[in-house]
Amino acid sequence: MKIIALGGAGDMGSRAVEELAEAEGVERVTIADRNVEAAQQLAARLQGRKATVDVKAVDANDHHGLVEAMRGYDVATSALGPFYLFEAKLVRAAIEAGVDYTSICDDWLAADEVVTQFSKAARESGVTVITGLGTSPGISNVGVRYFADRMDKLRRVDISVFMPMQAGGGEAVIAHTLFIMSGKVAVWREGKRMMVRACSEERVLDFPRFGAVKVWNMGHGEPVTVPLSIPDIEEVNFFMGFGKGANWLVVPAKLRLLGGKRCQRVLTRAVSRLEHMGEPKEPEWGAVRIDAWGERGGQEAHETACGIGQMREATGLSMAIGTLMLGRKEVLTTEGGVYGPEACFDPVKFLTRLRDCGITAYSDLEMTRPVP
């Protein structure tokens, strides 16, 4: 199997490349990145792994160059963000190149764009596109499928994320965070798409290890893709909180100051500088919690899944596992198209492989009962 990793020299892409380079059946991993120096340093560090690791310079704004870069690979996988700028360009190129594609796309608008614009073209070309294959969306979507399979009817899911201000990820993560907090964002309620102003709803939730954290509604991929594969679901919500320092982002969002691109660029640079002040620190751990409500055996059911981890580790491993499963044709769909992870992966297989890599989901906040 030959895999090309776009944005593979970045924070989360590099973790996926590390995993892919040691995977059985992978012959070649190409790090495709604009930052050739960083890509070459990563490739040099990975020499001697099971797969050959090499480098290509790519420009995501060069459509012809992207298509040519992807040709001949079994799967193209992307960690190139912010995704509201790049996801549609990469999906279009993958379809033209005839290459299956995965990405960690976490922007609701980008997910909606590729589903709307490219589902037909991907299906006709026999190309499988899996968008949102990180932690959230990604592991969270697989968790939703796990609950859907365990219930007679899944009515509602809430995906909630605690991402501390020092979680890492660089400017692309900061830009994404500001984007999902601005303007109106998609939710799924009463069995239909609705648009709700970001950060207009708040609640306090308990997360494993971290306890009570205030979270706000924001825009993410789960409310876009989950209703497509679980058509009877009535409600899908996404909430995120940052813990200490949250008001630096939430207050401007509530005052509707994040809508302009110029303001977002300025804030992105400012937050990035704050992150790098003082001594370098190990990225802090975060947490994900999924709550599912439905029916089982004629009775009301409410179940929870949760877990903790570093963003780079959890996101990169999810990206790698899903990419390998797609390349090995270990997917639930048999025809091309644009999908979320919940439509493509057996949740028990996916979560088991994730656990084998050190990322475990639990059914209790005390983290004593692993899932599955």
Protein backbone atom coordinates (compact mmCIF):
# COMPACT_ATOMS: atom_id res chain seq x y z
CA MET A 1 0.00 0.00 0.00
CA LYS A 2 1.23 3.48 -0.89
CA ILE A 3 0.00 6.47 1.12
CA ILE A 4 0.54 10.19 0.61
CA ALA A 5 0.09 12.37 3.72
CA LEU A 6 -0.78 15.99 2.92
CA GLY A 7 0.31 18.29 5.70
CA GLY A 8 2.25 15.29 6.95
CA ALA A 9 5.04 17.37 8.47
CA GLY A 10 2.69 19.21 10.82
CA ASP A 11 1.84 18.48 14.44
CA MET A 12 -0.91 15.88 13.96
CA GLY A 13 0.00 14.78 10.45
CA SER A 14 3.48 13.79 11.61
CA ARG A 15 2.01 11.51 14.29
CA ALA A 16 -0.05 9.73 11.64
CA VAL A 17 3.03 9.40 9.41
CA GLU A 18 4.97 7.83 12.29
CA GLU A 19 2.24 5.22 12.72
CA LEU A 20 1.76 4.56 9.02
CA ALA A 21 5.50 4.04 8.48
CA GLU A 22 5.44 1.07 10.90
CA ALA A 23 2.17 -0.49 9.71
CA GLU A 24 2.04 -3.93 8.13
CA GLY A 25 1.42 -3.86 4.40
CA VAL A 26 2.49 -0.24 3.89
CA GLU A 27 5.21 -0.05 1.28
CA ARG A 28 5.63 3.72 0.99
CA VAL A 29 4.61 6.85 2.89
CA THR A 30 5.11 10.20 1.18
CA ILE A 31 5.13 13.34 3.31
CA ALA A 32 3.57 16.03 1.10
CA ASP A 33 4.01 19.45 2.60
CA ARG A 34 4.82 23.04 1.74
CA ASN A 35 7.39 23.00 4.55
CA VAL A 36 9.91 20.80 2.76
CA GLU A 37 12.59 21.26 5.42
CA ALA A 38 10.34 19.95 8.20
CA ALA A 39 9.19 17.09 5.94
CA GLN A 40 12.77 16.10 5.19
CA GLN A 41 13.69 16.15 8.87
CA LEU A 42 10.74 13.86 9.66
CA ALA A 43 11.60 11.53 6.77
CA ALA A 44 15.21 11.30 7.96
CA ARG A 45 14.07 10.45 11.48
CA LEU A 46 11.87 7.65 10.10
CA GLN A 47 14.49 5.99 7.93
CA GLY A 48 14.72 2.29 8.71
CA ARG A 49 11.01 1.87 9.44
CA LYS A 50 9.03 -0.83 7.65
CA ALA A 51 7.89 1.55 4.91
CA THR A 52 9.98 3.79 2.70
CA VAL A 53 9.40 7.41 3.73
CA ASP A 54 9.97 10.19 1.18
CA VAL A 55 9.00 13.82 0.58
CA LYS A 56 7.08 15.85 -1.99
CA ALA A 57 6.66 19.61 -2.05
CA VAL A 58 3.00 20.53 -2.56
CA ASP A 59 0.96 23.70 -2.77
CA ALA A 60 -2.70 23.21 -1.79
CA ASN A 61 -3.68 26.11 -4.05
CA ASP A 62 -2.21 24.43 -7.15
CA HIS A 63 -4.95 22.08 -8.36
CA HIS A 64 -2.96 20.49 -11.17
CA GLY A 65 0.03 19.98 -8.88
CA LEU A 66 -2.18 18.35 -6.22
CA VAL A 67 -3.71 15.94 -8.73
CA GLU A 68 -0.32 14.91 -10.06
CA ALA A 69 1.08 14.55 -6.54
CA MET A 70 -1.75 12.16 -5.56
CA ARG A 71 -1.76 9.97 -8.67
CA GLY A 72 -0.57 6.42 -8.16
CA TYR A 73 -1.23 6.23 -4.42
CA ASP A 74 -3.75 3.92 -2.77
CA VAL A 75 -4.89 6.53 -0.23
CA ALA A 76 -4.32 10.25 0.23
CA THR A 77 -4.72 11.43 3.81
CA SER A 78 -4.77 15.03 4.98
CA ALA A 79 -3.97 16.98 8.13
CA LEU A 80 -3.80 20.23 6.18
CA GLY A 81 -5.78 22.92 7.98
CA PRO A 82 -7.57 25.14 8.47
CA PHE A 83 -9.98 22.94 6.58
CA TYR A 84 -12.45 25.65 5.64
CA LEU A 85 -9.67 26.81 3.30
CA PHE A 86 -8.29 23.50 2.01
CA GLU A 87 -10.66 20.53 2.37
CA ALA A 88 -12.71 21.13 -0.78
CA LYS A 89 -9.55 21.69 -2.85
CA LEU A 90 -8.02 18.42 -1.66
CA VAL A 91 -11.20 16.38 -2.12
CA ARG A 92 -11.61 17.71 -5.67
CA ALA A 93 -8.02 16.77 -6.47
CA ALA A 94 -8.35 13.27 -4.96
CA ILE A 95 -11.45 12.52 -7.02
CA GLU A 96 -9.74 13.70 -10.21
CA ALA A 97 -6.67 11.61 -9.35
CA GLY A 98 -8.87 8.56 -8.65
CA VAL A 99 -7.44 8.11 -5.14
CA ASP A 100 -9.35 7.29 -1.94
CA TYR A 101 -9.06 10.08 0.62
CA THR A 102 -9.25 10.63 4.37
CA SER A 103 -8.77 13.77 6.45
CA ILE A 104 -9.03 15.08 9.99
CA CYS A 105 -11.29 17.92 8.76
CA ASP A 106 -13.03 19.39 11.82
CA ASP A 107 -14.78 22.44 10.31
CA TRP A 108 -18.55 22.06 9.92
CA LEU A 109 -18.67 24.29 6.85
CA ALA A 110 -15.93 22.33 5.06
CA ALA A 111 -17.65 19.01 5.85
CA ASP A 112 -20.94 20.38 4.52
CA GLU A 113 -19.21 21.70 1.42
CA VAL A 114 -17.56 18.44 0.42
CA VAL A 115 -20.67 16.36 1.15
CA THR A 116 -22.83 18.71 -0.92
CA GLN A 117 -20.46 19.35 -3.80
CA PHE A 118 -18.56 16.09 -4.26
CA SER A 119 -20.73 13.14 -3.17
CA LYS A 120 -22.01 12.50 -6.71
CA ALA A 121 -18.61 12.91 -8.35
CA ALA A 122 -16.94 10.63 -5.81
CA ARG A 123 -19.64 7.98 -6.24
CA GLU A 124 -19.37 8.07 -10.03
CA SER A 125 -15.58 7.86 -9.84
CA GLY A 126 -15.61 5.04 -7.30
CA VAL A 127 -13.56 7.15 -4.87
CA THR A 128 -14.25 6.88 -1.14
CA VAL A 129 -13.81 10.12 0.79
CA ILE A 130 -13.91 10.00 4.62
CA THR A 131 -13.94 13.47 6.10
CA GLY A 132 -13.54 14.19 9.81
CA LEU A 133 -11.19 11.38 10.88
CA GLY A 134 -9.51 12.88 13.92
CA THR A 135 -10.51 12.91 17.58
CA SER A 136 -13.63 15.04 17.25
CA PRO A 137 -14.91 14.60 14.66
CA GLY A 138 -13.55 11.11 14.14
CA ILE A 139 -13.35 8.95 17.24
CA SER A 140 -16.51 10.73 18.39
CA ASN A 141 -18.35 9.69 15.20
CA VAL A 142 -17.29 6.07 15.63
CA GLY A 143 -18.59 6.30 19.20
CA VAL A 144 -21.95 7.51 17.90
CA ARG A 145 -22.11 4.49 15.56
CA TYR A 146 -21.29 2.25 18.53
CA PHE A 147 -24.33 3.59 20.41
CA ALA A 148 -26.54 3.38 17.32
CA ASP A 149 -25.65 -0.31 16.97
CA ARG A 150 -26.43 -0.95 20.66
CA MET A 151 -29.83 0.75 20.70
CA ASP A 152 -33.07 -0.02 18.91
CA LYS A 153 -33.38 3.68 18.17
CA LEU A 154 -30.81 6.41 18.72
CA ARG A 155 -32.61 9.72 19.16
CA ARG A 156 -30.01 12.22 20.35
CA VAL A 157 -26.27 12.57 20.82
CA ASP A 158 -24.24 15.36 22.41
CA ILE A 159 -20.50 15.45 21.68
CA SER A 160 -18.59 17.56 24.21
CA VAL A 161 -14.87 18.37 24.15
CA PHE A 162 -12.54 19.85 26.73
CA MET A 163 -9.57 21.34 24.87
CA PRO A 164 -7.26 23.31 27.19
CA MET A 165 -5.72 26.52 25.87
CA GLN A 166 -2.28 24.85 25.84
CA ALA A 167 -3.33 21.76 23.87
CA GLY A 168 -0.86 22.38 21.03
CA GLY A 169 -1.50 22.17 17.32
CA GLY A 170 -0.17 25.54 16.20
CA GLU A 171 -1.82 28.35 14.29
CA ALA A 172 -4.05 26.08 12.17
CA VAL A 173 -5.79 24.82 15.34
CA ILE A 174 -6.17 28.37 16.65
CA ALA A 175 -7.64 29.53 13.32
CA HIS A 176 -10.05 26.59 13.34
CA THR A 177 -11.14 27.34 16.92
CA LEU A 178 -11.87 30.99 16.13
CA PHE A 179 -13.79 29.95 13.01
CA ILE A 180 -16.09 27.48 14.81
CA MET A 181 -16.87 30.14 17.44
CA SER A 182 -17.94 32.79 14.92
CA GLY A 183 -21.33 33.48 13.37
CA LYS A 184 -24.05 30.88 13.09
CA VAL A 185 -23.18 27.19 13.08
CA ALA A 186 -25.02 24.04 12.04
CA VAL A 187 -26.86 21.83 14.54
CA TRP A 188 -29.31 18.97 13.98
CA ARG A 189 -32.51 19.34 15.97
CA GLU A 190 -36.07 18.12 15.56
CA GLY A 191 -34.82 15.95 12.70
CA LYS A 192 -33.55 18.84 10.55
CA ARG A 193 -30.66 21.22 10.02
CA MET A 194 -30.81 24.42 12.04
CA MET A 195 -28.42 27.34 12.33
CA VAL A 196 -27.66 28.61 15.84
CA ARG A 197 -25.30 31.40 16.85
CA ALA A 198 -22.04 30.00 18.21
CA CYS A 199 -21.45 30.38 21.96
CA SER A 200 -25.10 31.32 22.54
CA GLU A 201 -25.68 28.17 24.63
CA GLU A 202 -23.61 27.05 27.60
CA ARG A 203 -23.62 24.30 30.18
CA VAL A 204 -21.32 22.72 32.76
CA LEU A 205 -20.32 19.09 32.20
CA ASP A 206 -18.16 16.61 34.09
CA PHE A 207 -15.21 15.20 32.15
CA PRO A 208 -13.01 12.27 33.18
CA ARG A 209 -10.04 13.38 35.28
CA PHE A 210 -10.85 17.10 34.85
CA GLY A 211 -14.24 17.33 36.59
CA ALA A 212 -16.67 20.17 35.89
CA VAL A 213 -15.91 22.30 32.82
CA LYS A 214 -18.04 25.02 31.22
CA VAL A 215 -18.70 24.35 27.53
CA TRP A 216 -20.39 26.29 24.72
CA ASN A 217 -22.08 25.31 21.46
CA MET A 218 -19.75 25.59 18.45
CA GLY A 219 -19.57 24.42 14.86
CA HIS A 220 -18.20 20.94 14.12
CA GLY A 221 -18.56 18.15 11.61
CA GLU A 222 -20.64 15.70 13.65
CA PRO A 223 -24.01 17.49 13.21
CA VAL A 224 -23.33 17.57 9.45
CA THR A 225 -22.40 13.93 8.74
CA VAL A 226 -24.05 11.86 11.50
CA PRO A 227 -27.66 12.44 10.31
CA LEU A 228 -26.68 11.23 6.83
CA SER A 229 -25.82 7.72 8.05
CA ILE A 230 -28.24 7.56 11.00
CA PRO A 231 -31.29 9.08 9.28
CA ASP A 232 -33.78 8.63 12.13
CA ILE A 233 -31.71 10.57 14.64
CA GLU A 234 -33.51 13.65 15.94
CA GLU A 235 -30.72 15.70 17.51
CA VAL A 236 -26.93 16.08 17.22
CA ASN A 237 -25.10 18.79 19.19
CA PHE A 238 -21.47 19.79 19.69
CA PHE A 239 -20.04 21.67 22.69
CA MET A 240 -16.49 22.72 23.56
CA GLY A 241 -14.77 24.30 26.54
CA PHE A 242 -11.24 25.49 27.24
CA GLY A 243 -11.02 25.61 31.02
CA LYS A 244 -8.78 28.33 32.44
CA GLY A 245 -8.49 31.28 30.05
CA ALA A 246 -11.69 30.48 28.11
CA ASN A 247 -12.97 34.05 28.35
CA TRP A 248 -10.11 35.25 26.11
CA LEU A 249 -11.99 33.53 23.27
CA VAL A 250 -15.59 33.25 24.44
CA VAL A 251 -16.17 36.92 25.30
CA PRO A 252 -15.16 38.20 21.83
CA ALA A 253 -17.29 35.46 20.29
CA LYS A 254 -20.35 36.51 22.30
CA LEU A 255 -19.73 40.13 21.32
CA ARG A 256 -19.68 38.98 17.66
CA LEU A 257 -16.13 40.20 17.14
CA LEU A 258 -14.81 37.03 15.49
CA GLY A 259 -16.69 37.22 12.21
CA GLY A 260 -14.13 39.16 10.18
CA LYS A 261 -11.13 37.42 8.62
CA ARG A 262 -8.83 40.27 9.64
CA CYS A 263 -9.90 39.98 13.29
CA GLN A 264 -9.40 36.21 13.20
CA ARG A 265 -5.90 36.61 11.74
CA VAL A 266 -4.93 39.11 14.45
CA LEU A 267 -6.31 36.92 17.24
CA THR A 268 -4.68 33.82 15.79
CA ARG A 269 -1.27 35.48 15.90
CA ALA A 270 -1.90 36.88 19.38
CA VAL A 271 -2.97 33.55 20.88
CA SER A 272 -0.07 31.81 19.14
CA ARG A 273 2.38 34.26 20.71
CA LEU A 274 0.82 33.68 24.13
CA GLU A 275 1.25 29.92 23.66
CA HIS A 276 4.96 30.35 22.99
CA MET A 277 5.72 32.72 25.85
CA GLY A 278 8.00 31.40 28.57
CA GLU A 279 9.57 27.97 28.71
CA PRO A 280 8.38 25.35 26.17
CA LYS A 281 5.72 23.12 27.72
CA GLU A 282 4.38 19.69 26.92
CA PRO A 283 0.89 20.05 25.37
CA GLU A 284 -1.81 19.58 27.96
CA TRP A 285 -4.26 16.68 27.85
CA GLY A 286 -7.90 17.14 26.98
CA ALA A 287 -11.04 15.00 27.08
CA VAL A 288 -14.02 13.96 24.98
CA ARG A 289 -17.45 12.93 26.23
CA ILE A 290 -20.33 11.47 24.19
CA ASP A 291 -23.86 11.24 25.61
CA ALA A 292 -26.42 9.19 23.72
CA TRP A 293 -30.16 8.92 24.36
CA GLY A 294 -32.52 6.44 22.75
CA GLU A 295 -34.55 3.27 23.21
CA ARG A 296 -33.58 -0.33 23.89
CA GLY A 297 -36.06 -3.12 24.45
CA GLY A 298 -38.91 -0.66 24.83
CA GLN A 299 -37.08 1.24 27.58
CA GLU A 300 -35.46 4.66 27.62
CA ALA A 301 -31.66 4.42 27.41
CA HIS A 302 -28.87 6.89 28.15
CA GLU A 303 -25.25 5.90 27.72
CA THR A 304 -21.95 7.74 27.95
CA ALA A 305 -18.51 7.20 26.46
CA CYS A 306 -15.47 9.27 27.33
CA GLY A 307 -11.70 9.39 27.22
CA ILE A 308 -8.64 11.56 27.70
CA GLY A 309 -5.47 12.19 25.75
CA GLN A 310 -3.20 14.63 23.97
CA MET A 311 -4.65 16.11 20.81
CA ARG A 312 -1.67 15.17 18.62
CA GLU A 313 -1.63 11.57 19.79
CA ALA A 314 -5.36 10.85 19.61
CA THR A 315 -5.94 12.71 16.35
CA GLY A 316 -2.88 11.32 14.57
CA LEU A 317 -3.64 7.74 15.59
CA SER A 318 -7.28 8.03 14.52
CA MET A 319 -6.15 9.39 11.16
CA ALA A 320 -3.68 6.53 10.71
CA ILE A 321 -6.04 3.74 11.79
CA GLY A 322 -8.86 4.95 9.54
CA THR A 323 -6.51 5.42 6.60
CA LEU A 324 -5.18 1.88 6.98
CA MET A 325 -8.68 0.42 7.26
CA LEU A 326 -9.73 2.26 4.09
CA GLY A 327 -6.61 1.15 2.23
CA ARG A 328 -7.25 -2.45 3.30
CA LYS A 329 -10.92 -2.16 2.28
CA GLU A 330 -12.03 -2.78 5.86
CA VAL A 331 -14.94 -0.38 5.49
CA LEU A 332 -18.70 -0.80 5.69
CA THR A 333 -19.52 1.04 2.49
CA THR A 334 -19.07 -0.71 -0.85
CA GLU A 335 -19.42 2.26 -3.19
CA GLY A 336 -17.67 5.57 -3.61
CA GLY A 337 -18.95 8.77 -2.08
CA VAL A 338 -18.29 11.29 0.67
CA TYR A 339 -18.86 9.97 4.19
CA GLY A 340 -18.25 10.62 7.85
CA PRO A 341 -16.39 7.93 9.85
CA GLU A 342 -19.66 6.70 11.40
CA ALA A 343 -20.74 5.43 7.96
CA CYS A 344 -17.52 3.56 7.20
CA PHE A 345 -16.06 1.76 10.20
CA ASP A 346 -17.11 -1.12 12.40
CA PRO A 347 -16.90 0.67 15.78
CA VAL A 348 -15.67 -2.37 17.72
CA LYS A 349 -12.79 -2.97 15.29
CA PHE A 350 -11.86 0.71 15.14
CA LEU A 351 -11.98 1.30 18.91
CA THR A 352 -10.11 -1.94 19.60
CA ARG A 353 -7.29 -0.91 17.28
CA LEU A 354 -7.24 2.51 18.87
CA ARG A 355 -6.96 0.88 22.30
CA ASP A 356 -4.09 -1.29 21.04
CA CYS A 357 -2.30 1.99 20.24
CA GLY A 358 -2.86 3.33 23.76
CA ILE A 359 -6.06 5.40 23.37
CA THR A 360 -8.94 3.87 25.33
CA ALA A 361 -12.60 4.89 25.47
CA TYR A 362 -14.54 4.25 28.68
CA SER A 363 -18.22 3.98 29.54
CA ASP A 364 -17.81 5.71 32.91
CA LEU A 365 -16.24 8.98 34.05
CA GLU A 366 -14.05 7.08 36.53
CA MET A 367 -12.50 5.29 33.52
CA THR A 368 -12.88 1.79 34.95
CA ARG A 369 -14.99 0.21 32.16
CA PRO A 370 -13.34 0.20 28.70
CA VAL A 371 -15.40 0.41 25.51
CA PRO A 372 -15.91 -2.00 23.86
